[in-house]
Structures are given as C-alpha cells and as structure tokens.
C-alpha atoms as a PDB file:
ATOM      1  CA  GLY A   1      13.984 -21.551  -7.876  1.00  0.00           C
ATOM      2  CA  LEU A   2      10.948 -23.688  -7.280  1.00  0.00           C
ATOM      3  CA  VAL A   3       8.251 -24.498  -9.843  1.00  0.00           C
ATOM      4  CA  ILE A   4       5.122 -26.083  -8.402  1.00  0.00           C
ATOM      5  CA  ASP A   5       1.881 -27.020 -10.148  1.00  0.00           C
ATOM      6  CA  GLY A   6      -1.743 -27.114  -9.053  1.00  0.00           C
ATOM      7  CA  ARG A   7      -1.859 -30.845  -8.323  1.00  0.00           C
ATOM      8  CA  THR A   8       1.117 -30.546  -5.983  1.00  0.00           C
ATOM      9  CA  LEU A   9      -0.509 -27.573  -4.242  1.00  0.00           C
ATOM     10  CA  ASN A  10      -3.604 -29.745  -3.691  1.00  0.00           C
ATOM     11  CA  VAL A  11      -1.461 -32.373  -1.980  1.00  0.00           C
ATOM     12  CA  ILE A  12       0.236 -29.714   0.165  1.00  0.00           C
ATOM     13  CA  PHE A  13      -2.990 -28.050   1.328  1.00  0.00           C
ATOM     14  CA  GLN A  14      -4.994 -31.234   1.850  1.00  0.00           C
ATOM     15  CA  GLY A  15      -2.148 -33.149   3.475  1.00  0.00           C
ATOM     16  CA  GLY A  16      -1.228 -30.493   6.038  1.00  0.00           C
ATOM     17  CA  LEU A  17       2.223 -29.926   4.551  1.00  0.00           C
ATOM     18  CA  GLU A  18       2.109 -26.123   4.671  1.00  0.00           C
ATOM     19  CA  GLU A  19       5.013 -25.808   7.125  1.00  0.00           C
ATOM     20  CA  LYS A  20       7.295 -27.988   5.006  1.00  0.00           C
ATOM     21  CA  PHE A  21       6.268 -26.082   1.880  1.00  0.00           C
ATOM     22  CA  LEU A  22       7.128 -22.755   3.541  1.00  0.00           C
ATOM     23  CA  ALA A  23      10.450 -24.134   4.823  1.00  0.00           C
ATOM     24  CA  LEU A  24      11.331 -25.170   1.275  1.00  0.00           C
ATOM     25  CA  THR A  25      10.295 -21.848  -0.255  1.00  0.00           C
ATOM     26  CA  LYS A  26      12.436 -19.892   2.231  1.00  0.00           C
ATOM     27  CA  HIS A  27      15.516 -21.427   0.592  1.00  0.00           C
ATOM     28  CA  CYS A  28      14.486 -20.343  -2.914  1.00  0.00           C
ATOM     29  CA  ARG A  29      15.014 -17.012  -4.591  1.00  0.00           C
ATOM     30  CA  SER A  30      11.806 -17.376  -6.577  1.00  0.00           C
ATOM     31  CA  VAL A  31       8.746 -19.609  -6.417  1.00  0.00           C
ATOM     32  CA  LEU A  32       6.495 -20.085  -9.433  1.00  0.00           C
ATOM     33  CA  CYS A  33       3.031 -21.604  -9.107  1.00  0.00           C
ATOM     34  CA  CYS A  34       1.768 -22.746 -12.506  1.00  0.00           C
ATOM     35  CA  ARG A  35      -1.468 -24.403 -13.605  1.00  0.00           C
ATOM     36  CA  SER A  36      -3.118 -23.561 -10.300  1.00  0.00           C
ATOM     37  CA  THR A  37      -6.705 -22.590  -9.619  1.00  0.00           C
ATOM     38  CA  PRO A  38      -7.724 -19.120  -8.378  1.00  0.00           C
ATOM     39  CA  LEU A  39      -8.489 -20.628  -4.965  1.00  0.00           C
ATOM     40  CA  GLN A  40      -5.014 -22.157  -4.742  1.00  0.00           C
ATOM     41  CA  LYS A  41      -3.414 -18.839  -5.643  1.00  0.00           C
ATOM     42  CA  SER A  42      -5.258 -17.032  -2.879  1.00  0.00           C
ATOM     43  CA  MET A  43      -4.497 -19.844  -0.412  1.00  0.00           C
ATOM     44  CA  VAL A  44      -0.757 -19.497  -1.119  1.00  0.00           C
ATOM     45  CA  VAL A  45      -0.933 -15.745  -0.488  1.00  0.00           C
ATOM     46  CA  LYS A  46      -2.927 -16.230   2.722  1.00  0.00           C
ATOM     47  CA  LEU A  47      -0.490 -18.921   3.884  1.00  0.00           C
ATOM     48  CA  VAL A  48       2.483 -16.617   3.405  1.00  0.00           C
ATOM     49  CA  ARG A  49       0.718 -13.725   5.153  1.00  0.00           C
ATOM     50  CA  ARG A  50      -0.456 -15.827   8.094  1.00  0.00           C
ATOM     51  CA  ARG A  51       2.615 -17.947   8.773  1.00  0.00           C
ATOM     52  CA  LEU A  52       5.495 -15.672   7.795  1.00  0.00           C
ATOM     53  CA  LYS A  53       3.800 -12.465   9.005  1.00  0.00           C
ATOM     54  CA  VAL A  54       5.030 -10.461   6.021  1.00  0.00           C
ATOM     55  CA  MET A  55       3.419  -7.978   3.684  1.00  0.00           C
ATOM     56  CA  THR A  56       2.368  -9.557   0.401  1.00  0.00           C
ATOM     57  CA  LEU A  57       2.051  -8.168  -3.108  1.00  0.00           C
ATOM     58  CA  SER A  58       0.151  -9.978  -5.837  1.00  0.00           C
ATOM     59  CA  ILE A  59       0.297  -9.247  -9.538  1.00  0.00           C
ATOM     60  CA  GLY A  60      -2.245 -10.555 -11.987  1.00  0.00           C
ATOM     61  CA  ASP A  61      -3.645  -9.910 -15.425  1.00  0.00           C
ATOM     62  CA  GLY A  62      -6.883 -11.848 -15.659  1.00  0.00           C
ATOM     63  CA  ALA A  63     -10.092 -12.884 -13.949  1.00  0.00           C
ATOM     64  CA  ASN A  64      -8.408 -15.972 -12.493  1.00  0.00           C
ATOM     65  CA  ASP A  65      -6.066 -13.711 -10.484  1.00  0.00           C
ATOM     66  CA  VAL A  66      -8.762 -11.644  -8.748  1.00  0.00           C
ATOM     67  CA  SER A  67      -8.940 -13.745  -5.566  1.00  0.00           C
ATOM     68  CA  MET A  68      -5.147 -13.706  -5.259  1.00  0.00           C
ATOM     69  CA  ILE A  69      -5.041  -9.917  -5.703  1.00  0.00           C
ATOM     70  CA  GLN A  70      -7.744  -9.424  -3.092  1.00  0.00           C
ATOM     71  CA  ALA A  71      -6.010 -11.741  -0.605  1.00  0.00           C
ATOM     72  CA  ALA A  72      -2.748  -9.773  -0.742  1.00  0.00           C
ATOM     73  CA  ASP A  73      -1.944  -6.576   1.146  1.00  0.00           C
ATOM     74  CA  VAL A  74      -1.202  -4.803  -2.128  1.00  0.00           C
ATOM     75  CA  GLY A  75      -2.672  -5.904  -5.423  1.00  0.00           C
ATOM     76  CA  ILE A  76      -1.448  -4.851  -8.848  1.00  0.00           C
ATOM     77  CA  GLY A  77      -3.522  -5.483 -11.933  1.00  0.00           C
ATOM     78  CA  ILE A  78      -2.065  -5.554 -15.419  1.00  0.00           C
ATOM     79  CA  SER A  79      -4.480  -4.514 -18.135  1.00  0.00           C
ATOM     80  CA  GLY A  80      -4.128  -6.769 -21.096  1.00  0.00           C
ATOM     81  CA  GLN A  81      -5.688  -9.288 -23.403  1.00  0.00           C
ATOM     82  CA  GLU A  82      -7.431 -11.251 -20.669  1.00  0.00           C
ATOM     83  CA  GLY A  83      -9.720  -8.371 -19.724  1.00  0.00           C
ATOM     84  CA  MET A  84      -9.970  -5.790 -17.001  1.00  0.00           C
ATOM     85  CA  GLN A  85     -11.167  -7.915 -14.050  1.00  0.00           C
ATOM     86  CA  ALA A  86      -7.750  -7.934 -12.359  1.00  0.00           C
ATOM     87  CA  VAL A  87      -7.399  -4.182 -12.834  1.00  0.00           C
ATOM     88  CA  MET A  88     -10.832  -3.552 -11.325  1.00  0.00           C
ATOM     89  CA  ALA A  89      -9.987  -5.644  -8.234  1.00  0.00           C
ATOM     90  CA  SER A  90      -6.499  -4.238  -7.702  1.00  0.00           C
ATOM     91  CA  ASP A  91      -5.086  -1.351  -5.699  1.00  0.00           C
ATOM     92  CA  PHE A  92      -2.845  -0.213  -8.543  1.00  0.00           C
ATOM     93  CA  ALA A  93      -3.074  -0.759 -12.280  1.00  0.00           C
ATOM     94  CA  ILE A  94      -0.322  -0.793 -14.874  1.00  0.00           C
ATOM     95  CA  SER A  95      -0.491  -1.381 -18.593  1.00  0.00           C
ATOM     96  CA  ARG A  96       2.577  -3.620 -18.915  1.00  0.00           C
ATOM     97  CA  PHE A  97       4.690  -5.707 -16.565  1.00  0.00           C
ATOM     98  CA  LYS A  98       7.756  -3.627 -17.378  1.00  0.00           C
ATOM     99  CA  HIS A  99       6.181  -0.665 -15.533  1.00  0.00           C
ATOM    100  CA  LEU A 100       6.297  -2.549 -12.217  1.00  0.00           C
ATOM    101  CA  LYS A 101       9.835  -1.387 -11.418  1.00  0.00           C
ATOM    102  CA  LYS A 102       8.890   2.281 -11.770  1.00  0.00           C
ATOM    103  CA  LEU A 103       5.668   1.782  -9.821  1.00  0.00           C
ATOM    104  CA  LEU A 104       7.480   0.256  -6.863  1.00  0.00           C
ATOM    105  CA  LEU A 105      10.762   2.155  -6.764  1.00  0.00           C
ATOM    106  CA  VAL A 106       9.652   5.623  -7.888  1.00  0.00           C
ATOM    107  CA  HIS A 107       5.983   6.069  -7.119  1.00  0.00           C
ATOM    108  CA  GLY A 108       6.162   3.854  -4.019  1.00  0.00           C
ATOM    109  CA  HIS A 109       9.000   5.947  -2.589  1.00  0.00           C
ATOM    110  CA  TRP A 110       7.270   9.223  -3.374  1.00  0.00           C
ATOM    111  CA  CYS A 111       3.976   8.022  -1.904  1.00  0.00           C
ATOM    112  CA  TYR A 112       5.615   6.826   1.308  1.00  0.00           C
ATOM    113  CA  ALA A 113       7.576  10.064   1.752  1.00  0.00           C
ATOM    114  CA  ARG A 114       4.479  12.193   1.108  1.00  0.00           C
ATOM    115  CA  LEU A 115       2.324  10.220   3.523  1.00  0.00           C
ATOM    116  CA  ALA A 116       4.962  10.443   6.253  1.00  0.00           C
ATOM    117  CA  LYS A 117       5.190  14.213   5.864  1.00  0.00           C
ATOM    118  CA  MET A 118       1.420  14.620   5.788  1.00  0.00           C
ATOM    119  CA  VAL A 119       0.943  12.635   9.005  1.00  0.00           C
ATOM    120  CA  ILE A 120       3.391  14.951  10.731  1.00  0.00           C
ATOM    121  CA  TYR A 121       1.622  17.959   9.217  1.00  0.00           C
ATOM    122  CA  PHE A 122      -1.804  16.842  10.456  1.00  0.00           C
ATOM    123  CA  PHE A 123      -0.433  16.359  13.972  1.00  0.00           C
ATOM    124  CA  TYR A 124       1.037  19.876  13.777  1.00  0.00           C
ATOM    125  CA  LYS A 125      -2.263  21.379  12.559  1.00  0.00           C
ATOM    126  CA  ASN A 126      -4.375  19.654  15.186  1.00  0.00           C
ATOM    127  CA  VAL A 127      -1.992  20.365  18.064  1.00  0.00           C
ATOM    128  CA  ASN A 128      -2.025  24.055  17.140  1.00  0.00           C
ATOM    129  CA  TYR A 129      -5.802  24.177  16.987  1.00  0.00           C
ATOM    130  CA  VAL A 130      -6.345  22.241  20.232  1.00  0.00           C
ATOM    131  CA  SER A 131      -3.750  24.263  22.126  1.00  0.00           C
ATOM    132  CA  LEU A 132      -5.442  27.449  20.941  1.00  0.00           C
ATOM    133  CA  LEU A 133      -8.784  26.155  22.291  1.00  0.00           C
ATOM    134  CA  PHE A 134      -7.121  25.083  25.533  1.00  0.00           C
ATOM    135  CA  TRP A 135      -5.640  28.502  26.284  1.00  0.00           C
ATOM    136  CA  TYR A 136      -8.827  30.275  25.205  1.00  0.00           C
ATOM    137  CA  GLN A 137     -10.749  28.391  27.900  1.00  0.00           C
ATOM    138  CA  PHE A 138      -8.512  29.958  30.546  1.00  0.00           C
ATOM    139  CA  PHE A 139      -9.182  33.369  29.020  1.00  0.00           C
ATOM    140  CA  CYS A 140     -12.976  32.972  29.045  1.00  0.00           C
ATOM    141  CA  GLY A 141     -13.136  31.243  32.439  1.00  0.00           C
ATOM    142  CA  PHE A 142     -14.205  27.833  31.090  1.00  0.00           C
ATOM    143  CA  SER A 143     -17.610  29.230  30.128  1.00  0.00           C
ATOM    144  CA  GLY A 144     -17.859  27.098  26.973  1.00  0.00           C
ATOM    145  CA  SER A 145     -18.181  30.089  24.658  1.00  0.00           C
ATOM    146  CA  THR A 146     -17.039  29.602  21.105  1.00  0.00           C
ATOM    147  CA  MET A 147     -13.697  30.987  20.188  1.00  0.00           C
ATOM    148  CA  ILE A 148     -14.268  31.467  16.460  1.00  0.00           C
ATOM    149  CA  ASP A 149     -17.257  31.613  14.162  1.00  0.00           C
ATOM    150  CA  TYR A 150     -18.292  28.607  12.133  1.00  0.00           C
ATOM    151  CA  TRP A 151     -17.350  30.192   8.823  1.00  0.00           C
ATOM    152  CA  GLN A 152     -13.848  30.877  10.140  1.00  0.00           C
ATOM    153  CA  MET A 153     -13.588  27.253  11.229  1.00  0.00           C
ATOM    154  CA  ILE A 154     -14.626  26.138   7.745  1.00  0.00           C
ATOM    155  CA  PHE A 155     -11.947  28.319   6.137  1.00  0.00           C
ATOM    156  CA  PHE A 156      -9.350  27.104   8.642  1.00  0.00           C
ATOM    157  CA  ASN A 157     -10.031  23.495   7.687  1.00  0.00           C
ATOM    158  CA  LEU A 158     -10.305  24.346   4.004  1.00  0.00           C
ATOM    159  CA  PHE A 159      -6.952  26.092   3.762  1.00  0.00           C
ATOM    160  CA  PHE A 160      -4.986  24.068   6.298  1.00  0.00           C
ATOM    161  CA  THR A 161      -6.422  20.663   5.491  1.00  0.00           C
ATOM    162  CA  SER A 162      -7.019  20.648   1.750  1.00  0.00           C
ATOM    163  CA  MET A 163      -4.388  22.910   0.216  1.00  0.00           C
ATOM    164  CA  PRO A 164      -1.182  21.393   1.710  1.00  0.00           C
ATOM    165  CA  PRO A 165      -2.057  17.803   0.685  1.00  0.00           C
ATOM    166  CA  LEU A 166      -2.711  19.008  -2.857  1.00  0.00           C
ATOM    167  CA  LEU A 167       0.571  20.912  -2.966  1.00  0.00           C
ATOM    168  CA  PHE A 168       2.498  17.993  -1.456  1.00  0.00           C
ATOM    169  CA  GLY A 169       0.854  15.580  -3.876  1.00  0.00           C
ATOM    170  CA  VAL A 170       1.823  17.623  -6.918  1.00  0.00           C
ATOM    171  CA  LEU A 171       5.135  19.228  -6.000  1.00  0.00           C
ATOM    172  CA  ASP A 172       6.911  17.143  -3.364  1.00  0.00           C
ATOM    173  CA  ARG A 173       9.586  14.887  -4.829  1.00  0.00           C
ATOM    174  CA  ASP A 174      12.654  14.370  -2.685  1.00  0.00           C
ATOM    175  CA  PHE A 175      14.565  12.551  -5.450  1.00  0.00           C
ATOM    176  CA  SER A 176      14.116  12.501  -9.193  1.00  0.00           C
ATOM    177  CA  ALA A 177      12.727   9.405 -10.914  1.00  0.00           C
ATOM    178  CA  GLU A 178      16.089   8.730 -12.568  1.00  0.00           C
ATOM    179  CA  THR A 179      17.897   8.801  -9.212  1.00  0.00           C
ATOM    180  CA  LEU A 180      15.386   6.436  -7.613  1.00  0.00           C
ATOM    181  CA  LEU A 181      15.624   3.983 -10.512  1.00  0.00           C
ATOM    182  CA  GLY A 182      19.423   4.181 -10.468  1.00  0.00           C
ATOM    183  CA  LEU A 183      19.733   3.705  -6.702  1.00  0.00           C
ATOM    184  CA  PRO A 184      17.133   1.180  -5.491  1.00  0.00           C
ATOM    185  CA  GLU A 185      18.734   1.308  -2.008  1.00  0.00           C
ATOM    186  CA  LEU A 186      16.940   4.627  -1.425  1.00  0.00           C
ATOM    187  CA  TYR A 187      13.676   2.687  -1.087  1.00  0.00           C
ATOM    188  CA  LYS A 188      14.890   1.286   2.239  1.00  0.00           C
ATOM    189  CA  ASN A 189      15.359   4.721   3.806  1.00  0.00           C
ATOM    190  CA  GLY A 190      11.662   5.051   4.606  1.00  0.00           C
ATOM    191  CA  GLN A 191      11.466   1.642   6.219  1.00  0.00           C
END
C-alpha cells in the first residue's frame, strides 16, 4: 500500500511528476491520500481518469469531498456527522460505509442487467413501430396519411414505454441478493 499526504501531492502536481506517481500507484493494491485539500483530491481523480483511461468511483462523507465526488464517473456520498454536502453532490447515497458492498455487488448488478434488457426492449418497440409505418406507406401509396389517431399513439407509448420499465424495475432480479453477495464473480458477467 501507499500512504501519501497533501504536501507530497503538492510536490507531485507542481513538479510534473504525475507519470512517476501513477507508475508507483500501479504497483500498489491500495493508495491512501491523507491530509489533502479538496482540490488535490479532485486532481488525483482527474489524473487517474485522464491518464489511465479508467472509470473512477469516489466515496466521501463531508463537504471537503464534494469536488472529488463530482470529478469521478460515479460518486457515492455517505451521510454522517460531517453533514449532507457529499450526499447532495453524489450519484448514490448510503448511510454507512458497510453498505458499499451491497450497493456495488447487488444493486449495481441488478441495475446493469435491467438497463441492458430495457435497451433491447426499446429497440424492439421502435423497430416494430417504424416497420409498421413503413409497410403502411406502401398500402396508402406514400400519400402521407396518418396510420393511427393521436390518442392511439399516446396509449401505445403509455403502455409500451412506461409499463415495462416499471415492471422491470420492481420485479426483475436475475439472482437473489444473497447469491450476488456470496459470488462476487457474477458482477463480471455483464462486463
């Protein structure tokens, strides 16, 4: 592991040593930045995103973590004694750090699986509708007449666009929470 403080981060960023810093951190299992300013925290996240071209996740619990959370691809705020500023700036909020495992492995897996299925569903819905319009134009001789009334179009979009996402969001779970927590390898299936 590597523990680095704010003064050392100042030397790294002002001295142009970012490449050497990243080379060192690649050999570590964990890197801890302590006693650093909010600007330094966000600069570390931006450096990792820009140079390593990876997706970043930042976790914070106070106002000093807001810039870091906003600089990351995914920000998680922990509500606690330091206030709610980090929670308000984050994408996801948890009450305690111990809930992070369930947020990532269970809810992250479910969210990814649901979004993948819904993208396929929306392609299916739109291809059906457009192909119906396409063949109707041959039937009416490309006159530009409307195929269905506006109220029917509203009901089509209401039932085929709003109901399935609600049902998928509530009912679709490919694995139980216990299985996903017990087998973290299942998270890689979606990738």
